[in-house]
């Protein structure tokens, strides 16, 4: 349920409580006690006074609803707790606990439902954001990994490319370094694969993108750099079309701040829409961000910037 749906459900429960009997003995509906409950407050002596405290719970509840867009969520939750506590003072009145009817339980339920909605908002607000502010450390992390990859593959001709949003200075991004290891000769792939395996990587296929081979960290590996920096490693031939498009899009973002800002805004919207859920975000990005990327690449190709 969305947050406003909890508010609606709460109000519906409260309305039901007004038209249903509150106590078994007299059959009076909740509206009667809402109208005359204040009388109990006029008697400050004895258990009858305790009936006035549940009556006050109504007005605390109305206050809570009025503060939905004005007070912070912790304040709203605190008010909900007070409302529930006041409503339960009824049980301190002798024999009243045995007399409550369906109307009373709908009444209390309205307060509980509202608080559940508030707790869900609090939980979601404290969920870690997928998109982080730009960190200069990303460029440093890339260089650390690059140096290791170059040293380990010194026997073959390779090029290391920092791709993805972390390669764009100032851009907010998921804190994952995307790296492309580019080779020139088809015969070099097996050598590169063997070299990467010696570093604790394993080949995970192309994952549906022909020519873009994915290498992941072995769970048993314990490299002090490679296993401390979250990164994705792809191995592509220099003539791979997907590689060319990735580089073209990256270069476009580097050279066009307005375009980079537009792409950043799109990612932030998708992360919010996905409620910071990685899987949902990936699906949304595949659908909505892909269109943005493809349109950008199309314009760059028309401008003659596609790498041959």
C-alpha atoms as a PDB file:
ATOM      1  CA  UNK A   1       0.000   0.000   0.000  1.00  0.00           C
ATOM      2  CA  UNK A   2       1.118   3.576  -0.697  1.00  0.00           C
ATOM      3  CA  UNK A   3       1.299   6.083   2.142  1.00  0.00           C
ATOM      4  CA  UNK A   4      -1.940   7.868   1.158  1.00  0.00           C
ATOM      5  CA  UNK A   5      -3.685   4.490   0.968  1.00  0.00           C
ATOM      6  CA  UNK A   6      -2.893   3.876   4.632  1.00  0.00           C
ATOM      7  CA  UNK A   7      -4.405   7.264   5.467  1.00  0.00           C
ATOM      8  CA  UNK A   8      -7.548   6.417   3.512  1.00  0.00           C
ATOM      9  CA  UNK A   9      -7.812   2.985   5.155  1.00  0.00           C
ATOM     10  CA  UNK A  10      -7.366   4.624   8.553  1.00  0.00           C
ATOM     11  CA  UNK A  11     -10.127   7.164   7.903  1.00  0.00           C
ATOM     12  CA  UNK A  12     -12.460   4.415   6.663  1.00  0.00           C
ATOM     13  CA  UNK A  13     -11.874   2.408   9.861  1.00  0.00           C
ATOM     14  CA  UNK A  14     -12.597   5.525  11.899  1.00  0.00           C
ATOM     15  CA  UNK A  15     -15.830   6.172   9.982  1.00  0.00           C
ATOM     16  CA  UNK A  16     -16.935   2.572  10.566  1.00  0.00           C
ATOM     17  CA  UNK A  17     -16.287   3.037  14.279  1.00  0.00           C
ATOM     18  CA  UNK A  18     -18.661   5.994  14.355  1.00  0.00           C
ATOM     19  CA  UNK A  19     -21.635   3.979  13.084  1.00  0.00           C
ATOM     20  CA  UNK A  20     -20.991   0.738  14.970  1.00  0.00           C
ATOM     21  CA  UNK A  21     -21.774   0.035  18.659  1.00  0.00           C
ATOM     22  CA  UNK A  22     -18.843   0.881  20.928  1.00  0.00           C
ATOM     23  CA  UNK A  23     -20.027  -1.168  23.943  1.00  0.00           C
ATOM     24  CA  UNK A  24     -22.030  -4.366  24.146  1.00  0.00           C
ATOM     25  CA  UNK A  25     -24.239  -3.228  27.018  1.00  0.00           C
ATOM     26  CA  UNK A  26     -25.851  -0.033  25.748  1.00  0.00           C
ATOM     27  CA  UNK A  27     -25.480  -0.354  21.971  1.00  0.00           C
ATOM     28  CA  UNK A  28     -24.591   3.331  21.547  1.00  0.00           C
ATOM     29  CA  UNK A  29     -22.648   4.020  18.374  1.00  0.00           C
ATOM     30  CA  UNK A  30     -19.234   5.682  18.279  1.00  0.00           C
ATOM     31  CA  UNK A  31     -20.650   9.018  17.109  1.00  0.00           C
ATOM     32  CA  UNK A  32     -22.532   9.303  20.401  1.00  0.00           C
ATOM     33  CA  UNK A  33     -19.343   8.972  22.446  1.00  0.00           C
ATOM     34  CA  UNK A  34     -17.492  11.352  20.119  1.00  0.00           C
ATOM     35  CA  UNK A  35     -20.197  13.939  20.793  1.00  0.00           C
ATOM     36  CA  UNK A  36     -20.569  13.489  24.566  1.00  0.00           C
ATOM     37  CA  UNK A  37     -17.276  11.948  25.672  1.00  0.00           C
ATOM     38  CA  UNK A  38     -16.034  15.301  26.933  1.00  0.00           C
ATOM     39  CA  UNK A  39     -18.450  15.046  29.858  1.00  0.00           C
ATOM     40  CA  UNK A  40     -16.165  12.459  31.444  1.00  0.00           C
ATOM     41  CA  UNK A  41     -13.433  15.106  31.657  1.00  0.00           C
ATOM     42  CA  UNK A  42     -15.735  17.233  33.807  1.00  0.00           C
ATOM     43  CA  UNK A  43     -15.438  14.619  36.572  1.00  0.00           C
ATOM     44  CA  UNK A  44     -11.742  14.702  37.624  1.00  0.00           C
ATOM     45  CA  UNK A  45     -12.310  12.175  40.392  1.00  0.00           C
ATOM     46  CA  UNK A  46     -12.705   8.437  39.983  1.00  0.00           C
ATOM     47  CA  UNK A  47     -12.542   6.014  37.076  1.00  0.00           C
ATOM     48  CA  UNK A  48     -15.064   7.935  34.957  1.00  0.00           C
ATOM     49  CA  UNK A  49     -12.311  10.499  34.317  1.00  0.00           C
ATOM     50  CA  UNK A  50     -10.362   7.794  32.485  1.00  0.00           C
ATOM     51  CA  UNK A  51     -13.121   7.695  29.869  1.00  0.00           C
ATOM     52  CA  UNK A  52     -12.232  11.228  28.939  1.00  0.00           C
ATOM     53  CA  UNK A  53      -8.702  10.299  27.907  1.00  0.00           C
ATOM     54  CA  UNK A  54      -9.877   7.970  25.089  1.00  0.00           C
ATOM     55  CA  UNK A  55     -12.178  10.789  23.994  1.00  0.00           C
ATOM     56  CA  UNK A  56      -9.120  13.067  23.688  1.00  0.00           C
ATOM     57  CA  UNK A  57      -7.556  10.429  21.425  1.00  0.00           C
ATOM     58  CA  UNK A  58     -10.013  11.524  18.720  1.00  0.00           C
ATOM     59  CA  UNK A  59      -8.626  15.019  18.612  1.00  0.00           C
ATOM     60  CA  UNK A  60      -5.033  13.859  18.737  1.00  0.00           C
ATOM     61  CA  UNK A  61      -5.896  11.651  15.731  1.00  0.00           C
ATOM     62  CA  UNK A  62      -7.406  14.626  13.852  1.00  0.00           C
ATOM     63  CA  UNK A  63      -4.264  16.616  14.651  1.00  0.00           C
ATOM     64  CA  UNK A  64      -2.133  13.814  13.237  1.00  0.00           C
ATOM     65  CA  UNK A  65      -4.068  13.800   9.974  1.00  0.00           C
ATOM     66  CA  UNK A  66      -3.749  17.585   9.729  1.00  0.00           C
ATOM     67  CA  UNK A  67       0.031  17.376  10.163  1.00  0.00           C
ATOM     68  CA  UNK A  68       0.602  14.838   7.363  1.00  0.00           C
ATOM     69  CA  UNK A  69       2.379  17.362   5.118  1.00  0.00           C
ATOM     70  CA  UNK A  70       3.570  19.741   7.845  1.00  0.00           C
ATOM     71  CA  UNK A  71       5.326  17.678  10.525  1.00  0.00           C
ATOM     72  CA  UNK A  72       8.267  15.325  10.064  1.00  0.00           C
ATOM     73  CA  UNK A  73       7.537  11.618  10.082  1.00  0.00           C
ATOM     74  CA  UNK A  74       9.014  10.985  13.562  1.00  0.00           C
ATOM     75  CA  UNK A  75       6.654  13.592  15.033  1.00  0.00           C
ATOM     76  CA  UNK A  76       3.706  11.952  13.293  1.00  0.00           C
ATOM     77  CA  UNK A  77       4.675   8.512  14.648  1.00  0.00           C
ATOM     78  CA  UNK A  78       5.015   9.932  18.179  1.00  0.00           C
ATOM     79  CA  UNK A  79       1.530  11.441  17.932  1.00  0.00           C
ATOM     80  CA  UNK A  80       0.170   8.080  16.717  1.00  0.00           C
ATOM     81  CA  UNK A  81       1.693   6.295  19.728  1.00  0.00           C
ATOM     82  CA  UNK A  82       0.132   8.850  22.090  1.00  0.00           C
ATOM     83  CA  UNK A  83      -3.218   8.422  20.334  1.00  0.00           C
ATOM     84  CA  UNK A  84      -3.128   4.636  20.769  1.00  0.00           C
ATOM     85  CA  UNK A  85      -2.086   4.917  24.427  1.00  0.00           C
ATOM     86  CA  UNK A  86      -4.924   7.339  25.174  1.00  0.00           C
ATOM     87  CA  UNK A  87      -7.433   5.051  23.473  1.00  0.00           C
ATOM     88  CA  UNK A  88      -6.326   2.124  25.638  1.00  0.00           C
ATOM     89  CA  UNK A  89      -6.924   4.012  28.891  1.00  0.00           C
ATOM     90  CA  UNK A  90     -10.428   2.625  28.570  1.00  0.00           C
ATOM     91  CA  UNK A  91      -9.136  -0.705  29.857  1.00  0.00           C
ATOM     92  CA  UNK A  92      -8.251   0.896  33.194  1.00  0.00           C
ATOM     93  CA  UNK A  93     -11.953   1.467  33.863  1.00  0.00           C
ATOM     94  CA  UNK A  94     -13.421  -1.444  35.797  1.00  0.00           C
ATOM     95  CA  UNK A  95     -15.361  -3.970  33.658  1.00  0.00           C
ATOM     96  CA  UNK A  96     -15.003  -1.789  30.528  1.00  0.00           C
ATOM     97  CA  UNK A  97     -12.558  -4.202  28.867  1.00  0.00           C
ATOM     98  CA  UNK A  98     -15.243  -6.883  28.766  1.00  0.00           C
ATOM     99  CA  UNK A  99     -17.809  -4.484  27.291  1.00  0.00           C
ATOM    100  CA  UNK A 100     -16.040  -3.220  24.181  1.00  0.00           C
ATOM    101  CA  UNK A 101     -17.682  -4.044  20.869  1.00  0.00           C
ATOM    102  CA  UNK A 102     -16.789  -3.973  17.176  1.00  0.00           C
ATOM    103  CA  UNK A 103     -16.967  -0.181  16.962  1.00  0.00           C
ATOM    104  CA  UNK A 104     -14.248   0.193  19.574  1.00  0.00           C
ATOM    105  CA  UNK A 105     -11.875  -2.152  17.738  1.00  0.00           C
ATOM    106  CA  UNK A 106     -12.399  -0.327  14.431  1.00  0.00           C
ATOM    107  CA  UNK A 107     -11.673   2.893  16.297  1.00  0.00           C
ATOM    108  CA  UNK A 108      -8.353   1.635  17.663  1.00  0.00           C
ATOM    109  CA  UNK A 109      -7.549   0.003  14.319  1.00  0.00           C
ATOM    110  CA  UNK A 110      -7.822   3.392  12.605  1.00  0.00           C
ATOM    111  CA  UNK A 111      -4.975   4.698  14.779  1.00  0.00           C
ATOM    112  CA  UNK A 112      -2.859   1.588  14.242  1.00  0.00           C
ATOM    113  CA  UNK A 113      -3.289   1.612  10.450  1.00  0.00           C
ATOM    114  CA  UNK A 114      -2.233   5.255  10.290  1.00  0.00           C
ATOM    115  CA  UNK A 115       0.882   4.501  12.339  1.00  0.00           C
ATOM    116  CA  UNK A 116       1.785   1.491  10.138  1.00  0.00           C
ATOM    117  CA  UNK A 117       1.712   3.784   7.103  1.00  0.00           C
ATOM    118  CA  UNK A 118       3.940   6.267   8.906  1.00  0.00           C
ATOM    119  CA  UNK A 119       6.406   3.543   9.902  1.00  0.00           C
ATOM    120  CA  UNK A 120       6.613   2.395   6.288  1.00  0.00           C
ATOM    121  CA  UNK A 121       7.422   5.936   5.182  1.00  0.00           C
ATOM    122  CA  UNK A 122      10.158   6.099   7.816  1.00  0.00           C
ATOM    123  CA  UNK A 123      11.578   2.751   6.690  1.00  0.00           C
ATOM    124  CA  UNK A 124      11.620   3.780   3.042  1.00  0.00           C
ATOM    125  CA  UNK A 125      13.194   7.155   3.809  1.00  0.00           C
ATOM    126  CA  UNK A 126      16.069   5.427   5.604  1.00  0.00           C
ATOM    127  CA  UNK A 127      16.670   2.961   2.816  1.00  0.00           C
ATOM    128  CA  UNK A 128      20.104   3.519   1.308  1.00  0.00           C
ATOM    129  CA  UNK A 129      19.971   5.478  -1.934  1.00  0.00           C
ATOM    130  CA  UNK A 130      21.194   3.657  -5.033  1.00  0.00           C
ATOM    131  CA  UNK A 131      22.634   6.830  -6.545  1.00  0.00           C
ATOM    132  CA  UNK A 132      25.491   8.450  -4.632  1.00  0.00           C
ATOM    133  CA  UNK A 133      27.077  11.876  -4.916  1.00  0.00           C
ATOM    134  CA  UNK A 134      30.190  11.970  -7.074  1.00  0.00           C
ATOM    135  CA  UNK A 135      33.370  10.913  -5.292  1.00  0.00           C
ATOM    136  CA  UNK A 136      36.871  11.704  -6.503  1.00  0.00           C
ATOM    137  CA  UNK A 137      37.802   8.338  -5.032  1.00  0.00           C
ATOM    138  CA  UNK A 138      36.114   6.646  -8.010  1.00  0.00           C
ATOM    139  CA  UNK A 139      38.816   7.893 -10.384  1.00  0.00           C
ATOM    140  CA  UNK A 140      41.486   6.779  -7.923  1.00  0.00           C
ATOM    141  CA  UNK A 141      39.882   3.333  -7.559  1.00  0.00           C
ATOM    142  CA  UNK A 142      39.767   2.970 -11.330  1.00  0.00           C
ATOM    143  CA  UNK A 143      43.478   3.726 -11.615  1.00  0.00           C
ATOM    144  CA  UNK A 144      44.309   1.181  -8.913  1.00  0.00           C
ATOM    145  CA  UNK A 145      42.440  -1.548 -10.786  1.00  0.00           C
ATOM    146  CA  UNK A 146      43.781  -0.405 -14.160  1.00  0.00           C
ATOM    147  CA  UNK A 147      47.384  -0.685 -12.999  1.00  0.00           C
ATOM    148  CA  UNK A 148      46.832  -4.249 -11.794  1.00  0.00           C
ATOM    149  CA  UNK A 149      45.143  -5.270 -15.052  1.00  0.00           C
ATOM    150  CA  UNK A 150      47.893  -3.701 -17.169  1.00  0.00           C
ATOM    151  CA  UNK A 151      50.686  -5.311 -15.166  1.00  0.00           C
ATOM    152  CA  UNK A 152      49.057  -8.748 -15.271  1.00  0.00           C
ATOM    153  CA  UNK A 153      48.433  -8.536 -19.039  1.00  0.00           C
ATOM    154  CA  UNK A 154      51.800  -7.097 -20.027  1.00  0.00           C
ATOM    155  CA  UNK A 155      52.310  -9.885 -22.575  1.00  0.00           C
ATOM    156  CA  UNK A 156      49.318  -8.804 -24.687  1.00  0.00           C
ATOM    157  CA  UNK A 157      48.249  -5.551 -26.299  1.00  0.00           C
ATOM    158  CA  UNK A 158      45.343  -4.147 -24.293  1.00  0.00           C
ATOM    159  CA  UNK A 159      43.634  -0.882 -23.501  1.00  0.00           C
ATOM    160  CA  UNK A 160      41.722  -0.143 -20.268  1.00  0.00           C
ATOM    161  CA  UNK A 161      38.669   2.115 -20.402  1.00  0.00           C
ATOM    162  CA  UNK A 162      36.725   3.603 -17.503  1.00  0.00           C
ATOM    163  CA  UNK A 163      33.084   3.584 -18.619  1.00  0.00           C
ATOM    164  CA  UNK A 164      29.744   4.200 -16.941  1.00  0.00           C
ATOM    165  CA  UNK A 165      28.642   7.167 -14.843  1.00  0.00           C
ATOM    166  CA  UNK A 166      31.524   6.921 -12.357  1.00  0.00           C
ATOM    167  CA  UNK A 167      33.802   7.974 -15.229  1.00  0.00           C
ATOM    168  CA  UNK A 168      32.017  11.340 -15.517  1.00  0.00           C
ATOM    169  CA  UNK A 169      33.478  13.934 -13.152  1.00  0.00           C
ATOM    170  CA  UNK A 170      30.797  15.450 -10.930  1.00  0.00           C
ATOM    171  CA  UNK A 171      28.023  13.047 -11.908  1.00  0.00           C
ATOM    172  CA  UNK A 172      26.010  11.195  -9.288  1.00  0.00           C
ATOM    173  CA  UNK A 173      26.114   7.444  -9.851  1.00  0.00           C
ATOM    174  CA  UNK A 174      25.869   4.012  -8.343  1.00  0.00           C
ATOM    175  CA  UNK A 175      29.226   3.536  -6.544  1.00  0.00           C
ATOM    176  CA  UNK A 176      30.343   0.748  -8.886  1.00  0.00           C
ATOM    177  CA  UNK A 177      33.349   1.181 -11.178  1.00  0.00           C
ATOM    178  CA  UNK A 178      32.644  -0.098 -14.700  1.00  0.00           C
ATOM    179  CA  UNK A 179      35.774  -1.091 -16.597  1.00  0.00           C
ATOM    180  CA  UNK A 180      36.345  -2.346 -20.127  1.00  0.00           C
ATOM    181  CA  UNK A 181      39.489  -4.289 -20.947  1.00  0.00           C
ATOM    182  CA  UNK A 182      39.941  -3.921 -24.708  1.00  0.00           C
ATOM    183  CA  UNK A 183      42.118  -6.249 -26.804  1.00  0.00           C
ATOM    184  CA  UNK A 184      43.112  -6.049 -30.467  1.00  0.00           C
ATOM    185  CA  UNK A 185      43.650  -9.649 -31.592  1.00  0.00           C
ATOM    186  CA  UNK A 186      41.050 -12.411 -31.286  1.00  0.00           C
ATOM    187  CA  UNK A 187      43.819 -14.860 -30.353  1.00  0.00           C
ATOM    188  CA  UNK A 188      44.603 -12.821 -27.228  1.00  0.00           C
ATOM    189  CA  UNK A 189      41.334 -13.507 -25.443  1.00  0.00           C
ATOM    190  CA  UNK A 190      42.338 -16.873 -24.000  1.00  0.00           C
ATOM    191  CA  UNK A 191      45.574 -15.404 -22.663  1.00  0.00           C
ATOM    192  CA  UNK A 192      43.658 -12.530 -21.080  1.00  0.00           C
ATOM    193  CA  UNK A 193      41.141 -14.961 -19.598  1.00  0.00           C
ATOM    194  CA  UNK A 194      43.942 -17.001 -18.044  1.00  0.00           C
ATOM    195  CA  UNK A 195      45.601 -13.853 -16.670  1.00  0.00           C
ATOM    196  CA  UNK A 196      42.354 -12.633 -15.133  1.00  0.00           C
ATOM    197  CA  UNK A 197      41.713 -16.017 -13.542  1.00  0.00           C
ATOM    198  CA  UNK A 198      45.128 -15.733 -11.867  1.00  0.00           C
ATOM    199  CA  UNK A 199      43.839 -12.497 -10.279  1.00  0.00           C
ATOM    200  CA  UNK A 200      40.758 -14.208  -8.865  1.00  0.00           C
ATOM    201  CA  UNK A 201      38.240 -13.491 -11.655  1.00  0.00           C
ATOM    202  CA  UNK A 202      36.059 -16.062 -13.381  1.00  0.00           C
ATOM    203  CA  UNK A 203      34.485 -15.841 -16.834  1.00  0.00           C
ATOM    204  CA  UNK A 204      30.685 -15.441 -16.616  1.00  0.00           C
ATOM    205  CA  UNK A 205      29.884 -15.467 -20.346  1.00  0.00           C
ATOM    206  CA  UNK A 206      28.527 -12.524 -22.329  1.00  0.00           C
ATOM    207  CA  UNK A 207      25.199 -12.315 -20.418  1.00  0.00           C
ATOM    208  CA  UNK A 208      23.283 -11.785 -23.637  1.00  0.00           C
ATOM    209  CA  UNK A 209      25.500  -9.112 -25.209  1.00  0.00           C
ATOM    210  CA  UNK A 210      27.600 -10.762 -27.900  1.00  0.00           C
ATOM    211  CA  UNK A 211      31.275  -9.870 -27.757  1.00  0.00           C
ATOM    212  CA  UNK A 212      31.139  -8.305 -24.293  1.00  0.00           C
ATOM    213  CA  UNK A 213      32.578 -10.941 -21.988  1.00  0.00           C
ATOM    214  CA  UNK A 214      31.821 -10.533 -18.283  1.00  0.00           C
ATOM    215  CA  UNK A 215      34.367 -11.339 -15.576  1.00  0.00           C
ATOM    216  CA  UNK A 216      33.350 -11.504 -11.922  1.00  0.00           C
ATOM    217  CA  UNK A 217      35.252 -11.881  -8.691  1.00  0.00           C
ATOM    218  CA  UNK A 218      35.598 -15.381  -7.310  1.00  0.00           C
ATOM    219  CA  UNK A 219      33.876 -15.511  -3.888  1.00  0.00           C
ATOM    220  CA  UNK A 220      36.931 -17.281  -2.457  1.00  0.00           C
ATOM    221  CA  UNK A 221      39.419 -14.656  -3.633  1.00  0.00           C
ATOM    222  CA  UNK A 222      40.973 -12.217  -1.167  1.00  0.00           C
ATOM    223  CA  UNK A 223      42.838  -9.557  -3.133  1.00  0.00           C
ATOM    224  CA  UNK A 224      43.481  -6.457  -1.026  1.00  0.00           C
ATOM    225  CA  UNK A 225      42.497  -4.097  -3.878  1.00  0.00           C
ATOM    226  CA  UNK A 226      40.322  -6.002  -6.328  1.00  0.00           C
ATOM    227  CA  UNK A 227      38.101  -7.388  -3.565  1.00  0.00           C
ATOM    228  CA  UNK A 228      37.831  -4.095  -1.704  1.00  0.00           C
ATOM    229  CA  UNK A 229      36.587  -1.997  -4.645  1.00  0.00           C
ATOM    230  CA  UNK A 230      33.161  -2.788  -6.067  1.00  0.00           C
ATOM    231  CA  UNK A 231      33.545  -2.966  -9.818  1.00  0.00           C
ATOM    232  CA  UNK A 232      32.332  -4.604 -13.018  1.00  0.00           C
ATOM    233  CA  UNK A 233      34.867  -5.891 -15.516  1.00  0.00           C
ATOM    234  CA  UNK A 234      34.082  -6.467 -19.193  1.00  0.00           C
ATOM    235  CA  UNK A 235      36.443  -7.752 -21.861  1.00  0.00           C
ATOM    236  CA  UNK A 236      35.768  -6.668 -25.454  1.00  0.00           C
ATOM    237  CA  UNK A 237      37.489  -6.720 -28.818  1.00  0.00           C
ATOM    238  CA  UNK A 238      38.419  -3.268 -30.037  1.00  0.00           C
ATOM    239  CA  UNK A 239      35.933  -3.547 -32.932  1.00  0.00           C
ATOM    240  CA  UNK A 240      33.008  -4.582 -30.747  1.00  0.00           C
ATOM    241  CA  UNK A 241      29.976  -2.431 -31.607  1.00  0.00           C
ATOM    242  CA  UNK A 242      28.658  -2.284 -28.027  1.00  0.00           C
ATOM    243  CA  UNK A 243      32.048  -1.098 -26.815  1.00  0.00           C
ATOM    244  CA  UNK A 244      32.079   1.689 -29.404  1.00  0.00           C
ATOM    245  CA  UNK A 245      28.616   2.819 -28.293  1.00  0.00           C
ATOM    246  CA  UNK A 246      29.588   2.786 -24.614  1.00  0.00           C
ATOM    247  CA  UNK A 247      32.652   4.915 -25.315  1.00  0.00           C
ATOM    248  CA  UNK A 248      30.689   7.254 -27.549  1.00  0.00           C
ATOM    249  CA  UNK A 249      28.052   7.812 -24.868  1.00  0.00           C
ATOM    250  CA  UNK A 250      30.695   8.289 -22.163  1.00  0.00           C
ATOM    251  CA  UNK A 251      32.572  10.844 -24.261  1.00  0.00           C
ATOM    252  CA  UNK A 252      29.310  12.678 -24.985  1.00  0.00           C
ATOM    253  CA  UNK A 253      28.561  13.009 -21.274  1.00  0.00           C
ATOM    254  CA  UNK A 254      32.098  14.204 -20.583  1.00  0.00           C
ATOM    255  CA  UNK A 255      31.865  16.916 -23.226  1.00  0.00           C
ATOM    256  CA  UNK A 256      28.263  18.041 -22.661  1.00  0.00           C
ATOM    257  CA  UNK A 257      27.415  19.107 -19.086  1.00  0.00           C
ATOM    258  CA  UNK A 258      23.754  19.732 -19.922  1.00  0.00           C
ATOM    259  CA  UNK A 259      23.420  16.213 -21.326  1.00  0.00           C
ATOM    260  CA  UNK A 260      25.181  14.777 -18.274  1.00  0.00           C
ATOM    261  CA  UNK A 261      22.799  16.623 -15.968  1.00  0.00           C
ATOM    262  CA  UNK A 262      19.800  15.371 -17.941  1.00  0.00           C
ATOM    263  CA  UNK A 263      21.041  11.792 -17.653  1.00  0.00           C
ATOM    264  CA  UNK A 264      21.741  12.188 -13.931  1.00  0.00           C
ATOM    265  CA  UNK A 265      18.216  13.552 -13.347  1.00  0.00           C
ATOM    266  CA  UNK A 266      16.760  10.605 -15.251  1.00  0.00           C
ATOM    267  CA  UNK A 267      18.656   8.096 -13.082  1.00  0.00           C
ATOM    268  CA  UNK A 268      17.560   9.825  -9.880  1.00  0.00           C
ATOM    269  CA  UNK A 269      13.924   9.717 -11.005  1.00  0.00           C
ATOM    270  CA  UNK A 270      14.195   6.024 -11.860  1.00  0.00           C
ATOM    271  CA  UNK A 271      15.823   5.229  -8.496  1.00  0.00           C
ATOM    272  CA  UNK A 272      13.012   7.067  -6.711  1.00  0.00           C
ATOM    273  CA  UNK A 273      10.420   5.304  -8.850  1.00  0.00           C
ATOM    274  CA  UNK A 274      12.065   1.955  -7.994  1.00  0.00           C
ATOM    275  CA  UNK A 275      12.032   2.861  -4.293  1.00  0.00           C
ATOM    276  CA  UNK A 276      15.825   2.369  -4.277  1.00  0.00           C
ATOM    277  CA  UNK A 277      15.399  -1.318  -5.154  1.00  0.00           C
ATOM    278  CA  UNK A 278      18.313  -2.559  -7.287  1.00  0.00           C
ATOM    279  CA  UNK A 279      16.370  -5.083  -9.362  1.00  0.00           C
ATOM    280  CA  UNK A 280      13.479  -2.749 -10.100  1.00  0.00           C
ATOM    281  CA  UNK A 281      15.894   0.076 -10.891  1.00  0.00           C
ATOM    282  CA  UNK A 282      17.791  -2.131 -13.351  1.00  0.00           C
ATOM    283  CA  UNK A 283      14.552  -3.063 -15.133  1.00  0.00           C
ATOM    284  CA  UNK A 284      13.411   0.554 -15.321  1.00  0.00           C
ATOM    285  CA  UNK A 285      16.823   1.691 -16.511  1.00  0.00           C
ATOM    286  CA  UNK A 286      16.896  -0.999 -19.190  1.00  0.00           C
ATOM    287  CA  UNK A 287      13.581   0.290 -20.482  1.00  0.00           C
ATOM    288  CA  UNK A 288      13.642   4.053 -19.945  1.00  0.00           C
ATOM    289  CA  UNK A 289      17.326   5.014 -19.765  1.00  0.00           C
ATOM    290  CA  UNK A 290      18.162   2.840 -22.770  1.00  0.00           C
ATOM    291  CA  UNK A 291      15.946   4.998 -24.947  1.00  0.00           C
ATOM    292  CA  UNK A 292      17.792   8.100 -23.752  1.00  0.00           C
ATOM    293  CA  UNK A 293      21.181   6.505 -24.399  1.00  0.00           C
ATOM    294  CA  UNK A 294      20.230   5.246 -27.850  1.00  0.00           C
ATOM    295  CA  UNK A 295      18.905   8.661 -28.856  1.00  0.00           C
ATOM    296  CA  UNK A 296      22.145  10.263 -27.702  1.00  0.00           C
ATOM    297  CA  UNK A 297      24.251   7.746 -29.614  1.00  0.00           C
ATOM    298  CA  UNK A 298      22.122   8.250 -32.720  1.00  0.00           C
ATOM    299  CA  UNK A 299      22.780  11.992 -32.649  1.00  0.00           C
ATOM    300  CA  UNK A 300      26.510  11.462 -32.146  1.00  0.00           C
ATOM    301  CA  UNK A 301      26.647   9.038 -35.097  1.00  0.00           C
ATOM    302  CA  UNK A 302      24.833  11.577 -37.244  1.00  0.00           C
ATOM    303  CA  UNK A 303      27.482  14.085 -36.239  1.00  0.00           C
ATOM    304  CA  UNK A 304      30.149  11.661 -37.480  1.00  0.00           C
ATOM    305  CA  UNK A 305      31.631  10.819 -34.104  1.00  0.00           C
ATOM    306  CA  UNK A 306      31.227   7.032 -34.227  1.00  0.00           C
ATOM    307  CA  UNK A 307      34.549   5.229 -33.782  1.00  0.00           C
ATOM    308  CA  UNK A 308      35.649   3.000 -36.656  1.00  0.00           C
END
